[in-house]
Amino acid sequence: MKSIRFIAPLIILIALTACRSRVVKVSLINTSAEPIKTIIVDYPTATFGKDKLAPGETFSYGIKPLEPGRLKVQFTDAKGVIHTYIGLNLNKDDDGAIDVKLDQNGAVVTPNIAGR
C-alpha cells in the first residue's frame, strides 16, 4: 500500500512533464524613436493586437497556430501611414519564438521556430 502512495504521484508527475502545449511567443518590439499605433497580428485561425507601443517598448503574446498559414502584421506609424508585413509561414504544432521589430518604415521578422 505504501508503494502505491509513492508510485501514483510519480506517474502523475511524469504525465504532466511529458505533455506541454506547443506555442509560439510573438514579441512586438518598437525599435524607433516614435510611437507605433494600432498593431494587428493575424495568424492562422486567430488575431491579436496592441493599441500602442512606445519607443523601445516590447509586448509579448503567446499564439497557437491550429492550421498552416501566414503571419501578417499591420501597424500605423507616427505620421499615420499604415504598414503591412505578410510573410512568415506558420504550421500547426509550431513551437518557439518570433521577434517582430517595428520602426517607422516597416517590420523585420526574426523567427526561431521548431515544427513538430
PDB file of N, CA and C in Angstrom:
ATOM      1  N   MET A   1       0.815  -1.189   0.000  1.00  0.00           N
ATOM      2  CA  MET A   1       0.000   0.000   0.000  1.00  0.00           C
ATOM      3  C   MET A   1       0.864   1.262   0.000  1.00  0.00           C
ATOM      4  N   LYS A   2       1.984   1.208   0.731  1.00  0.00           N
ATOM      5  CA  LYS A   2       2.866   2.369   0.781  1.00  0.00           C
ATOM      6  C   LYS A   2       3.488   2.637  -0.580  1.00  0.00           C
ATOM      7  N   SER A   3       3.771   1.585  -1.339  1.00  0.00           N
ATOM      8  CA  SER A   3       4.380   1.784  -2.655  1.00  0.00           C
ATOM      9  C   SER A   3       3.414   2.453  -3.629  1.00  0.00           C
ATOM     10  N   ILE A   4       2.104   2.208  -3.470  1.00  0.00           N
ATOM     11  CA  ILE A   4       1.110   2.856  -4.329  1.00  0.00           C
ATOM     12  C   ILE A   4       1.081   4.354  -4.067  1.00  0.00           C
ATOM     13  N   ARG A   5       1.212   4.760  -2.813  1.00  0.00           N
ATOM     14  CA  ARG A   5       1.247   6.185  -2.468  1.00  0.00           C
ATOM     15  C   ARG A   5       2.454   6.877  -3.083  1.00  0.00           C
ATOM     16  N   PHE A   6       3.530   6.150  -3.263  1.00  0.00           N
ATOM     17  CA  PHE A   6       4.736   6.718  -3.872  1.00  0.00           C
ATOM     18  C   PHE A   6       4.646   6.699  -5.396  1.00  0.00           C
ATOM     19  N   ILE A   7       4.139   5.628  -5.970  1.00  0.00           N
ATOM     20  CA  ILE A   7       4.103   5.466  -7.416  1.00  0.00           C
ATOM     21  C   ILE A   7       3.051   6.363  -8.072  1.00  0.00           C
ATOM     22  N   ALA A   8       1.881   6.505  -7.477  1.00  0.00           N
ATOM     23  CA  ALA A   8       0.812   7.308  -8.081  1.00  0.00           C
ATOM     24  C   ALA A   8       1.251   8.756  -8.329  1.00  0.00           C
ATOM     25  N   PRO A   9       1.828   9.460  -7.347  1.00  0.00           N
ATOM     26  CA  PRO A   9       2.289  10.831  -7.632  1.00  0.00           C
ATOM     27  C   PRO A   9       3.406  10.877  -8.676  1.00  0.00           C
ATOM     28  N   LEU A  10       4.246   9.851  -8.692  1.00  0.00           N
ATOM     29  CA  LEU A  10       5.333   9.799  -9.671  1.00  0.00           C
ATOM     30  C   LEU A  10       4.770   9.670 -11.085  1.00  0.00           C
ATOM     31  N   ILE A  11       3.765   8.853 -11.256  1.00  0.00           N
ATOM     32  CA  ILE A  11       3.140   8.693 -12.575  1.00  0.00           C
ATOM     33  C   ILE A  11       2.482   9.995 -13.018  1.00  0.00           C
ATOM     34  N   ILE A  12       1.796  10.667 -12.108  1.00  0.00           N
ATOM     35  CA  ILE A  12       1.166  11.947 -12.439  1.00  0.00           C
ATOM     36  C   ILE A  12       2.215  12.982 -12.820  1.00  0.00           C
ATOM     37  N   LEU A  13       3.305  13.032 -12.085  1.00  0.00           N
ATOM     38  CA  LEU A  13       4.383  13.977 -12.392  1.00  0.00           C
ATOM     39  C   LEU A  13       4.981  13.711 -13.767  1.00  0.00           C
ATOM     40  N   ILE A  14       5.224  12.470 -14.093  1.00  0.00           N
ATOM     41  CA  ILE A  14       5.768  12.120 -15.414  1.00  0.00           C
ATOM     42  C   ILE A  14       4.784  12.510 -16.516  1.00  0.00           C
ATOM     43  N   ALA A  15       3.507  12.246 -16.306  1.00  0.00           N
ATOM     44  CA  ALA A  15       2.493  12.595 -17.312  1.00  0.00           C
ATOM     45  C   ALA A  15       2.435  14.099 -17.529  1.00  0.00           C
ATOM     46  N   LEU A  16       2.525  14.877 -16.469  1.00  0.00           N
ATOM     47  CA  LEU A  16       2.456  16.331 -16.599  1.00  0.00           C
ATOM     48  C   LEU A  16       3.681  16.912 -17.283  1.00  0.00           C
ATOM     49  N   THR A  17       4.847  16.354 -17.039  1.00  0.00           N
ATOM     50  CA  THR A  17       6.050  16.890 -17.673  1.00  0.00           C
ATOM     51  C   THR A  17       6.188  16.443 -19.119  1.00  0.00           C
ATOM     52  N   ALA A  18       5.576  15.338 -19.481  1.00  0.00           N
ATOM     53  CA  ALA A  18       5.674  14.840 -20.851  1.00  0.00           C
ATOM     54  C   ALA A  18       4.744  15.587 -21.799  1.00  0.00           C
ATOM     55  N   CYS A  19       3.659  16.138 -21.294  1.00  0.00           N
ATOM     56  CA  CYS A  19       2.690  16.835 -22.122  1.00  0.00           C
ATOM     57  C   CYS A  19       2.808  18.340 -21.900  1.00  0.00           C
ATOM     58  N   ARG A  20       3.080  19.060 -22.964  1.00  0.00           N
ATOM     59  CA  ARG A  20       3.091  20.505 -22.852  1.00  0.00           C
ATOM     60  C   ARG A  20       2.560  21.082 -24.148  1.00  0.00           C
ATOM     61  N   SER A  21       1.925  22.175 -24.022  1.00  0.00           N
ATOM     62  CA  SER A  21       1.337  22.828 -25.180  1.00  0.00           C
ATOM     63  C   SER A  21       2.432  23.487 -26.015  1.00  0.00           C
ATOM     64  N   ARG A  22       2.334  23.342 -27.296  1.00  0.00           N
ATOM     65  CA  ARG A  22       3.299  23.949 -28.203  1.00  0.00           C
ATOM     66  C   ARG A  22       2.753  25.319 -28.601  1.00  0.00           C
ATOM     67  N   VAL A  23       3.482  26.367 -28.254  1.00  0.00           N
ATOM     68  CA  VAL A  23       3.072  27.727 -28.566  1.00  0.00           C
ATOM     69  C   VAL A  23       4.240  28.499 -29.159  1.00  0.00           C
ATOM     70  N   VAL A  24       3.898  29.563 -29.838  1.00  0.00           N
ATOM     71  CA  VAL A  24       4.898  30.470 -30.403  1.00  0.00           C
ATOM     72  C   VAL A  24       4.745  31.805 -29.678  1.00  0.00           C
ATOM     73  N   LYS A  25       5.812  32.260 -29.059  1.00  0.00           N
ATOM     74  CA  LYS A  25       5.808  33.560 -28.372  1.00  0.00           C
ATOM     75  C   LYS A  25       6.162  34.634 -29.388  1.00  0.00           C
ATOM     76  N   VAL A  26       5.218  35.537 -29.644  1.00  0.00           N
ATOM     77  CA  VAL A  26       5.436  36.638 -30.580  1.00  0.00           C
ATOM     78  C   VAL A  26       5.757  37.891 -29.769  1.00  0.00           C
ATOM     79  N   SER A  27       6.925  38.476 -30.027  1.00  0.00           N
ATOM     80  CA  SER A  27       7.327  39.712 -29.342  1.00  0.00           C
ATOM     81  C   SER A  27       7.306  40.862 -30.337  1.00  0.00           C
ATOM     82  N   LEU A  28       6.477  41.865 -30.044  1.00  0.00           N
ATOM     83  CA  LEU A  28       6.416  43.085 -30.845  1.00  0.00           C
ATOM     84  C   LEU A  28       7.355  44.092 -30.191  1.00  0.00           C
ATOM     85  N   ILE A  29       8.328  44.593 -30.947  1.00  0.00           N
ATOM     86  CA  ILE A  29       9.358  45.476 -30.399  1.00  0.00           C
ATOM     87  C   ILE A  29       9.401  46.763 -31.214  1.00  0.00           C
ATOM     88  N   ASN A  30       9.159  47.895 -30.552  1.00  0.00           N
ATOM     89  CA  ASN A  30       9.266  49.186 -31.232  1.00  0.00           C
ATOM     90  C   ASN A  30      10.723  49.630 -31.157  1.00  0.00           C
ATOM     91  N   THR A  31      11.424  49.557 -32.284  1.00  0.00           N
ATOM     92  CA  THR A  31      12.841  49.937 -32.327  1.00  0.00           C
ATOM     93  C   THR A  31      13.044  51.381 -32.766  1.00  0.00           C
ATOM     94  N   SER A  32      11.969  52.129 -32.940  1.00  0.00           N
ATOM     95  CA  SER A  32      12.079  53.513 -33.410  1.00  0.00           C
ATOM     96  C   SER A  32      12.023  54.498 -32.243  1.00  0.00           C
ATOM     97  N   ALA A  33      12.238  55.757 -32.553  1.00  0.00           N
ATOM     98  CA  ALA A  33      12.223  56.826 -31.550  1.00  0.00           C
ATOM     99  C   ALA A  33      10.835  57.446 -31.392  1.00  0.00           C
ATOM    100  N   GLU A  34       9.848  56.924 -32.130  1.00  0.00           N
ATOM    101  CA  GLU A  34       8.488  57.450 -32.055  1.00  0.00           C
ATOM    102  C   GLU A  34       7.513  56.309 -31.787  1.00  0.00           C
ATOM    103  N   PRO A  35       6.321  56.625 -31.287  1.00  0.00           N
ATOM    104  CA  PRO A  35       5.357  55.560 -31.005  1.00  0.00           C
ATOM    105  C   PRO A  35       4.811  54.903 -32.279  1.00  0.00           C
ATOM    106  N   ILE A  36       4.355  53.678 -32.100  1.00  0.00           N
ATOM    107  CA  ILE A  36       3.701  52.920 -33.166  1.00  0.00           C
ATOM    108  C   ILE A  36       2.316  52.565 -32.633  1.00  0.00           C
ATOM    109  N   LYS A  37       1.288  52.686 -33.498  1.00  0.00           N
ATOM    110  CA  LYS A  37      -0.091  52.510 -33.043  1.00  0.00           C
ATOM    111  C   LYS A  37      -0.815  51.429 -33.842  1.00  0.00           C
ATOM    112  N   THR A  38      -1.944  51.023 -33.310  1.00  0.00           N
ATOM    113  CA  THR A  38      -2.890  50.109 -33.946  1.00  0.00           C
ATOM    114  C   THR A  38      -2.177  48.924 -34.599  1.00  0.00           C
ATOM    115  N   ILE A  39      -1.543  48.118 -33.778  1.00  0.00           N
ATOM    116  CA  ILE A  39      -0.794  46.956 -34.264  1.00  0.00           C
ATOM    117  C   ILE A  39      -1.732  45.753 -34.271  1.00  0.00           C
ATOM    118  N   ILE A  40      -1.837  45.116 -35.434  1.00  0.00           N
ATOM    119  CA  ILE A  40      -2.695  43.941 -35.593  1.00  0.00           C
ATOM    120  C   ILE A  40      -1.836  42.799 -36.111  1.00  0.00           C
ATOM    121  N   VAL A  41      -1.857  41.675 -35.401  1.00  0.00           N
ATOM    122  CA  VAL A  41      -1.111  40.487 -35.813  1.00  0.00           C
ATOM    123  C   VAL A  41      -2.126  39.408 -36.139  1.00  0.00           C
ATOM    124  N   ASP A  42      -2.119  38.971 -37.387  1.00  0.00           N
ATOM    125  CA  ASP A  42      -3.035  37.953 -37.870  1.00  0.00           C
ATOM    126  C   ASP A  42      -2.230  36.687 -38.129  1.00  0.00           C
ATOM    127  N   TYR A  43      -2.709  35.565 -37.617  1.00  0.00           N
ATOM    128  CA  TYR A  43      -2.051  34.277 -37.833  1.00  0.00           C
ATOM    129  C   TYR A  43      -3.137  33.237 -38.053  1.00  0.00           C
ATOM    130  N   PRO A  44      -2.788  32.028 -38.510  1.00  0.00           N
ATOM    131  CA  PRO A  44      -3.817  31.046 -38.839  1.00  0.00           C
ATOM    132  C   PRO A  44      -4.836  30.843 -37.714  1.00  0.00           C
ATOM    133  N   THR A  45      -6.069  31.107 -37.987  1.00  0.00           N
ATOM    134  CA  THR A  45      -7.270  30.940 -37.156  1.00  0.00           C
ATOM    135  C   THR A  45      -7.469  31.972 -36.053  1.00  0.00           C
ATOM    136  N   ALA A  46      -6.628  32.995 -35.945  1.00  0.00           N
ATOM    137  CA  ALA A  46      -6.840  33.991 -34.877  1.00  0.00           C
ATOM    138  C   ALA A  46      -6.097  35.296 -35.165  1.00  0.00           C
ATOM    139  N   THR A  47      -6.348  36.283 -34.303  1.00  0.00           N
ATOM    140  CA  THR A  47      -5.740  37.606 -34.410  1.00  0.00           C
ATOM    141  C   THR A  47      -5.537  38.157 -33.003  1.00  0.00           C
ATOM    142  N   PHE A  48      -4.472  38.941 -32.812  1.00  0.00           N
ATOM    143  CA  PHE A  48      -4.342  39.715 -31.586  1.00  0.00           C
ATOM    144  C   PHE A  48      -3.787  41.078 -31.946  1.00  0.00           C
ATOM    145  N   GLY A  49      -3.851  42.002 -31.015  1.00  0.00           N
ATOM    146  CA  GLY A  49      -3.372  43.343 -31.316  1.00  0.00           C
ATOM    147  C   GLY A  49      -2.896  44.087 -30.091  1.00  0.00           C
ATOM    148  N   LYS A  50      -2.332  45.235 -30.353  1.00  0.00           N
ATOM    149  CA  LYS A  50      -1.845  46.136 -29.303  1.00  0.00           C
ATOM    150  C   LYS A  50      -2.147  47.544 -29.777  1.00  0.00           C
ATOM    151  N   ASP A  51      -2.755  48.343 -28.914  1.00  0.00           N
ATOM    152  CA  ASP A  51      -3.164  49.695 -29.284  1.00  0.00           C
ATOM    153  C   ASP A  51      -1.964  50.595 -29.580  1.00  0.00           C
ATOM    154  N   LYS A  52      -0.933  50.522 -28.744  1.00  0.00           N
ATOM    155  CA  LYS A  52       0.196  51.438 -28.904  1.00  0.00           C
ATOM    156  C   LYS A  52       1.458  50.836 -28.296  1.00  0.00           C
ATOM    157  N   LEU A  53       2.599  51.067 -28.944  1.00  0.00           N
ATOM    158  CA  LEU A  53       3.909  50.709 -28.399  1.00  0.00           C
ATOM    159  C   LEU A  53       4.755  51.971 -28.343  1.00  0.00           C
ATOM    160  N   ALA A  54       5.213  52.311 -27.164  1.00  0.00           N
ATOM    161  CA  ALA A  54       6.095  53.461 -27.004  1.00  0.00           C
ATOM    162  C   ALA A  54       7.488  53.129 -27.548  1.00  0.00           C
ATOM    163  N   PRO A  55       8.312  54.127 -27.822  1.00  0.00           N
ATOM    164  CA  PRO A  55       9.674  53.859 -28.290  1.00  0.00           C
ATOM    165  C   PRO A  55      10.418  52.938 -27.308  1.00  0.00           C
ATOM    166  N   GLY A  56      11.004  51.879 -27.855  1.00  0.00           N
ATOM    167  CA  GLY A  56      11.758  50.923 -27.050  1.00  0.00           C
ATOM    168  C   GLY A  56      10.920  49.892 -26.317  1.00  0.00           C
ATOM    169  N   GLU A  57       9.599  50.000 -26.376  1.00  0.00           N
ATOM    170  CA  GLU A  57       8.715  49.077 -25.654  1.00  0.00           C
ATOM    171  C   GLU A  57       8.579  47.741 -26.380  1.00  0.00           C
ATOM    172  N   THR A  58       8.410  46.669 -25.596  1.00  0.00           N
ATOM    173  CA  THR A  58       8.177  45.323 -26.122  1.00  0.00           C
ATOM    174  C   THR A  58       6.883  44.780 -25.533  1.00  0.00           C
ATOM    175  N   PHE A  59       6.107  44.107 -26.374  1.00  0.00           N
ATOM    176  CA  PHE A  59       4.884  43.440 -25.946  1.00  0.00           C
ATOM    177  C   PHE A  59       4.949  42.008 -26.455  1.00  0.00           C
ATOM    178  N   SER A  60       4.750  41.022 -25.583  1.00  0.00           N
ATOM    179  CA  SER A  60       4.808  39.613 -25.975  1.00  0.00           C
ATOM    180  C   SER A  60       3.459  38.944 -25.785  1.00  0.00           C
ATOM    181  N   TYR A  61       3.171  37.994 -26.692  1.00  0.00           N
ATOM    182  CA  TYR A  61       1.889  37.296 -26.678  1.00  0.00           C
ATOM    183  C   TYR A  61       2.113  35.884 -27.210  1.00  0.00           C
ATOM    184  N   GLY A  62       1.565  34.889 -26.544  1.00  0.00           N
ATOM    185  CA  GLY A  62       1.705  33.509 -26.999  1.00  0.00           C
ATOM    186  C   GLY A  62       0.571  33.121 -27.931  1.00  0.00           C
ATOM    187  N   ILE A  63       0.927  32.513 -29.070  1.00  0.00           N
ATOM    188  CA  ILE A  63      -0.074  32.059 -30.030  1.00  0.00           C
ATOM    189  C   ILE A  63       0.069  30.560 -30.255  1.00  0.00           C
ATOM    190  N   LYS A  64      -1.005  29.950 -30.712  1.00  0.00           N
ATOM    191  CA  LYS A  64      -1.006  28.530 -31.033  1.00  0.00           C
ATOM    192  C   LYS A  64      -1.658  28.351 -32.400  1.00  0.00           C
ATOM    193  N   PRO A  65      -0.831  28.321 -33.459  1.00  0.00           N
ATOM    194  CA  PRO A  65      -1.411  28.103 -34.785  1.00  0.00           C
ATOM    195  C   PRO A  65      -2.085  26.729 -34.850  1.00  0.00           C
ATOM    196  N   LEU A  66      -3.327  26.703 -35.334  1.00  0.00           N
ATOM    197  CA  LEU A  66      -4.077  25.454 -35.419  1.00  0.00           C
ATOM    198  C   LEU A  66      -4.118  24.881 -36.827  1.00  0.00           C
ATOM    199  N   GLU A  67      -3.623  25.638 -37.785  1.00  0.00           N
ATOM    200  CA  GLU A  67      -3.530  25.164 -39.169  1.00  0.00           C
ATOM    201  C   GLU A  67      -2.463  25.991 -39.882  1.00  0.00           C
ATOM    202  N   PRO A  68      -2.001  25.549 -41.050  1.00  0.00           N
ATOM    203  CA  PRO A  68      -0.966  26.299 -41.774  1.00  0.00           C
ATOM    204  C   PRO A  68      -1.476  27.650 -42.270  1.00  0.00           C
ATOM    205  N   GLY A  69      -0.590  28.605 -42.316  1.00  0.00           N
ATOM    206  CA  GLY A  69      -0.948  29.924 -42.832  1.00  0.00           C
ATOM    207  C   GLY A  69       0.165  30.929 -42.581  1.00  0.00           C
ATOM    208  N   ARG A  70      -0.024  32.122 -43.104  1.00  0.00           N
ATOM    209  CA  ARG A  70       0.992  33.169 -42.995  1.00  0.00           C
ATOM    210  C   ARG A  70       0.758  34.082 -41.804  1.00  0.00           C
ATOM    211  N   LEU A  71       1.862  34.579 -41.262  1.00  0.00           N
ATOM    212  CA  LEU A  71       1.820  35.617 -40.242  1.00  0.00           C
ATOM    213  C   LEU A  71       1.698  36.950 -40.959  1.00  0.00           C
ATOM    214  N   LYS A  72       0.761  37.780 -40.503  1.00  0.00           N
ATOM    215  CA  LYS A  72       0.566  39.105 -41.086  1.00  0.00           C
ATOM    216  C   LYS A  72       0.598  40.131 -39.960  1.00  0.00           C
ATOM    217  N   VAL A  73       1.312  41.227 -40.198  1.00  0.00           N
ATOM    218  CA  VAL A  73       1.400  42.293 -39.203  1.00  0.00           C
ATOM    219  C   VAL A  73       1.049  43.602 -39.894  1.00  0.00           C
ATOM    220  N   GLN A  74       0.170  44.364 -39.271  1.00  0.00           N
ATOM    221  CA  GLN A  74      -0.192  45.684 -39.784  1.00  0.00           C
ATOM    222  C   GLN A  74      -0.083  46.676 -38.638  1.00  0.00           C
ATOM    223  N   PHE A  75       0.467  47.855 -38.908  1.00  0.00           N
ATOM    224  CA  PHE A  75       0.569  48.880 -37.873  1.00  0.00           C
ATOM    225  C   PHE A  75       0.591  50.257 -38.509  1.00  0.00           C
ATOM    226  N   THR A  76       0.384  51.266 -37.673  1.00  0.00           N
ATOM    227  CA  THR A  76       0.373  52.653 -38.117  1.00  0.00           C
ATOM    228  C   THR A  76       1.564  53.374 -37.488  1.00  0.00           C
ATOM    229  N   ASP A  77       2.345  54.072 -38.323  1.00  0.00           N
ATOM    230  CA  ASP A  77       3.497  54.802 -37.797  1.00  0.00           C
ATOM    231  C   ASP A  77       3.065  56.144 -37.206  1.00  0.00           C
ATOM    232  N   ALA A  78       4.024  56.932 -36.728  1.00  0.00           N
ATOM    233  CA  ALA A  78       3.731  58.197 -36.046  1.00  0.00           C
ATOM    234  C   ALA A  78       3.103  59.237 -36.974  1.00  0.00           C
ATOM    235  N   LYS A  79       3.296  59.087 -38.299  1.00  0.00           N
ATOM    236  CA  LYS A  79       2.724  60.038 -39.256  1.00  0.00           C
ATOM    237  C   LYS A  79       1.359  59.596 -39.780  1.00  0.00           C
ATOM    238  N   GLY A  80       0.881  58.443 -39.301  1.00  0.00           N
ATOM    239  CA  GLY A  80      -0.425  57.949 -39.726  1.00  0.00           C
ATOM    240  C   GLY A  80      -0.389  57.027 -40.933  1.00  0.00           C
ATOM    241  N   VAL A  81       0.806  56.659 -41.390  1.00  0.00           N
ATOM    242  CA  VAL A  81       0.943  55.757 -42.534  1.00  0.00           C
ATOM    243  C   VAL A  81       0.787  54.313 -42.057  1.00  0.00           C
ATOM    244  N   ILE A  82      -0.020  53.532 -42.767  1.00  0.00           N
ATOM    245  CA  ILE A  82      -0.240  52.125 -42.427  1.00  0.00           C
ATOM    246  C   ILE A  82       0.796  51.271 -43.159  1.00  0.00           C
ATOM    247  N   HIS A  83       1.458  50.390 -42.401  1.00  0.00           N
ATOM    248  CA  HIS A  83       2.452  49.467 -42.951  1.00  0.00           C
ATOM    249  C   HIS A  83       1.937  48.042 -42.772  1.00  0.00           C
ATOM    250  N   THR A  84       2.248  47.180 -43.748  1.00  0.00           N
ATOM    251  CA  THR A  84       1.814  45.790 -43.691  1.00  0.00           C
ATOM    252  C   THR A  84       2.987  44.866 -43.999  1.00  0.00           C
ATOM    253  N   TYR A  85       3.119  43.817 -43.189  1.00  0.00           N
ATOM    254  CA  TYR A  85       4.091  42.751 -43.433  1.00  0.00           C
ATOM    255  C   TYR A  85       3.296  41.463 -43.605  1.00  0.00           C
ATOM    256  N   ILE A  86       3.548  40.747 -44.694  1.00  0.00           N
ATOM    257  CA  ILE A  86       2.937  39.435 -44.920  1.00  0.00           C
ATOM    258  C   ILE A  86       4.069  38.502 -45.313  1.00  0.00           C
ATOM    259  N   GLY A  87       4.180  37.384 -44.606  1.00  0.00           N
ATOM    260  CA  GLY A  87       5.285  36.525 -44.989  1.00  0.00           C
ATOM    261  C   GLY A  87       5.395  35.222 -44.269  1.00  0.00           C
ATOM    262  N   LEU A  88       6.019  35.224 -43.143  1.00  0.00           N
ATOM    263  CA  LEU A  88       6.408  34.016 -42.436  1.00  0.00           C
ATOM    264  C   LEU A  88       5.291  32.972 -42.392  1.00  0.00           C
ATOM    265  N   ASN A  89       5.593  31.755 -42.838  1.00  0.00           N
ATOM    266  CA  ASN A  89       4.624  30.657 -42.793  1.00  0.00           C
ATOM    267  C   ASN A  89       4.649  29.991 -41.424  1.00  0.00           C
ATOM    268  N   LEU A  90       3.473  29.803 -40.866  1.00  0.00           N
ATOM    269  CA  LEU A  90       3.329  29.078 -39.608  1.00  0.00           C
ATOM    270  C   LEU A  90       2.577  27.785 -39.877  1.00  0.00           C
ATOM    271  N   ASN A  91       2.860  26.768 -39.063  1.00  0.00           N
ATOM    272  CA  ASN A  91       2.206  25.471 -39.199  1.00  0.00           C
ATOM    273  C   ASN A  91       1.652  25.010 -37.867  1.00  0.00           C
ATOM    274  N   LYS A  92       0.686  24.117 -37.929  1.00  0.00           N
ATOM    275  CA  LYS A  92       0.146  23.516 -36.711  1.00  0.00           C
ATOM    276  C   LYS A  92       1.299  22.875 -35.939  1.00  0.00           C
ATOM    277  N   ASP A  93       1.289  23.013 -34.627  1.00  0.00           N
ATOM    278  CA  ASP A  93       2.294  22.441 -33.722  1.00  0.00           C
ATOM    279  C   ASP A  93       3.649  23.127 -33.782  1.00  0.00           C
ATOM    280  N   ASP A  94       3.747  24.312 -34.405  1.00  0.00           N
ATOM    281  CA  ASP A  94       4.996  25.076 -34.323  1.00  0.00           C
ATOM    282  C   ASP A  94       5.232  25.458 -32.865  1.00  0.00           C
ATOM    283  N   ASP A  95       6.494  25.602 -32.520  1.00  0.00           N
ATOM    284  CA  ASP A  95       6.882  25.933 -31.158  1.00  0.00           C
ATOM    285  C   ASP A  95       8.099  26.842 -31.234  1.00  0.00           C
ATOM    286  N   GLY A  96       8.162  27.861 -30.395  1.00  0.00           N
ATOM    287  CA  GLY A  96       9.328  28.729 -30.390  1.00  0.00           C
ATOM    288  C   GLY A  96       8.985  30.178 -30.173  1.00  0.00           C
ATOM    289  N   ALA A  97       9.694  31.048 -30.897  1.00  0.00           N
ATOM    290  CA  ALA A  97       9.518  32.488 -30.709  1.00  0.00           C
ATOM    291  C   ALA A  97       9.692  33.225 -32.031  1.00  0.00           C
ATOM    292  N   ILE A  98       9.042  34.373 -32.114  1.00  0.00           N
ATOM    293  CA  ILE A  98       9.180  35.265 -33.268  1.00  0.00           C
ATOM    294  C   ILE A  98       9.351  36.678 -32.732  1.00  0.00           C
ATOM    295  N   ASP A  99      10.418  37.349 -33.144  1.00  0.00           N
ATOM    296  CA  ASP A  99      10.612  38.764 -32.821  1.00  0.00           C
ATOM    297  C   ASP A  99      10.160  39.587 -34.017  1.00  0.00           C
ATOM    298  N   VAL A 100       9.272  40.534 -33.781  1.00  0.00           N
ATOM    299  CA  VAL A 100       8.796  41.441 -34.822  1.00  0.00           C
ATOM    300  C   VAL A 100       9.277  42.837 -34.440  1.00  0.00           C
ATOM    301  N   LYS A 101      10.331  43.279 -35.101  1.00  0.00           N
ATOM    302  CA  LYS A 101      10.904  44.597 -34.817  1.00  0.00           C
ATOM    303  C   LYS A 101      10.254  45.617 -35.740  1.00  0.00           C
ATOM    304  N   LEU A 102       9.557  46.570 -35.119  1.00  0.00           N
ATOM    305  CA  LEU A 102       8.821  47.586 -35.859  1.00  0.00           C
ATOM    306  C   LEU A 102       9.537  48.922 -35.761  1.00  0.00           C
ATOM    307  N   ASP A 103       9.583  49.627 -36.895  1.00  0.00           N
ATOM    308  CA  ASP A 103      10.068  51.004 -36.873  1.00  0.00           C
ATOM    309  C   ASP A 103       9.150  51.835 -37.770  1.00  0.00           C
ATOM    310  N   GLN A 104       9.489  53.048 -38.036  1.00  0.00           N
ATOM    311  CA  GLN A 104       8.617  53.934 -38.800  1.00  0.00           C
ATOM    312  C   GLN A 104       8.576  53.581 -40.293  1.00  0.00           C
ATOM    313  N   ASN A 105       9.403  52.623 -40.733  1.00  0.00           N
ATOM    314  CA  ASN A 105       9.445  52.240 -42.148  1.00  0.00           C
ATOM    315  C   ASN A 105       8.888  50.854 -42.443  1.00  0.00           C
ATOM    316  N   GLY A 106       8.737  50.013 -41.429  1.00  0.00           N
ATOM    317  CA  GLY A 106       8.264  48.661 -41.690  1.00  0.00           C
ATOM    318  C   GLY A 106       8.568  47.712 -40.549  1.00  0.00           C
ATOM    319  N   ALA A 107       8.538  46.419 -40.866  1.00  0.00           N
ATOM    320  CA  ALA A 107       8.751  45.371 -39.870  1.00  0.00           C
ATOM    321  C   ALA A 107       9.835  44.422 -40.338  1.00  0.00           C
ATOM    322  N   VAL A 108      10.663  43.994 -39.383  1.00  0.00           N
ATOM    323  CA  VAL A 108      11.658  42.951 -39.633  1.00  0.00           C
ATOM    324  C   VAL A 108      11.313  41.797 -38.699  1.00  0.00           C
ATOM    325  N   VAL A 109      11.091  40.619 -39.280  1.00  0.00           N
ATOM    326  CA  VAL A 109      10.651  39.462 -38.513  1.00  0.00           C
ATOM    327  C   VAL A 109      11.794  38.465 -38.408  1.00  0.00           C
ATOM    328  N   THR A 110      12.096  38.058 -37.157  1.00  0.00           N
ATOM    329  CA  THR A 110      13.147  37.082 -36.908  1.00  0.00           C
ATOM    330  C   THR A 110      12.520  35.878 -36.207  1.00  0.00           C
ATOM    331  N   PRO A 111      12.372  34.753 -36.953  1.00  0.00           N
ATOM    332  CA  PRO A 111      11.758  33.573 -36.349  1.00  0.00           C
ATOM    333  C   PRO A 111      12.791  32.644 -35.691  1.00  0.00           C
ATOM    334  N   ASN A 112      12.372  31.981 -34.655  1.00  0.00           N
ATOM    335  CA  ASN A 112      13.135  30.890 -34.033  1.00  0.00           C
ATOM    336  C   ASN A 112      12.094  29.823 -33.705  1.00  0.00           C
ATOM    337  N   ILE A 113      11.711  29.072 -34.736  1.00  0.00           N
ATOM    338  CA  ILE A 113      10.572  28.149 -34.624  1.00  0.00           C
ATOM    339  C   ILE A 113      11.013  26.718 -34.938  1.00  0.00           C
ATOM    340  N   ALA A 114      10.482  25.799 -34.140  1.00  0.00           N
ATOM    341  CA  ALA A 114      10.692  24.387 -34.385  1.00  0.00           C
ATOM    342  C   ALA A 114       9.333  23.757 -34.663  1.00  0.00           C
ATOM    343  N   GLY A 115       9.220  23.059 -35.777  1.00  0.00           N
ATOM    344  CA  GLY A 115       7.991  22.328 -36.080  1.00  0.00           C
ATOM    345  C   GLY A 115       8.014  20.979 -35.429  1.00  0.00           C
ATOM    346  N   ARG A 116       6.871  20.391 -35.342  1.00  0.00           N
ATOM    347  CA  ARG A 116       6.791  19.076 -34.721  1.00  0.00           C
ATOM    348  C   ARG A 116       6.876  18.001 -35.759  1.00  0.00           C
TER     349      ARG A 116
END
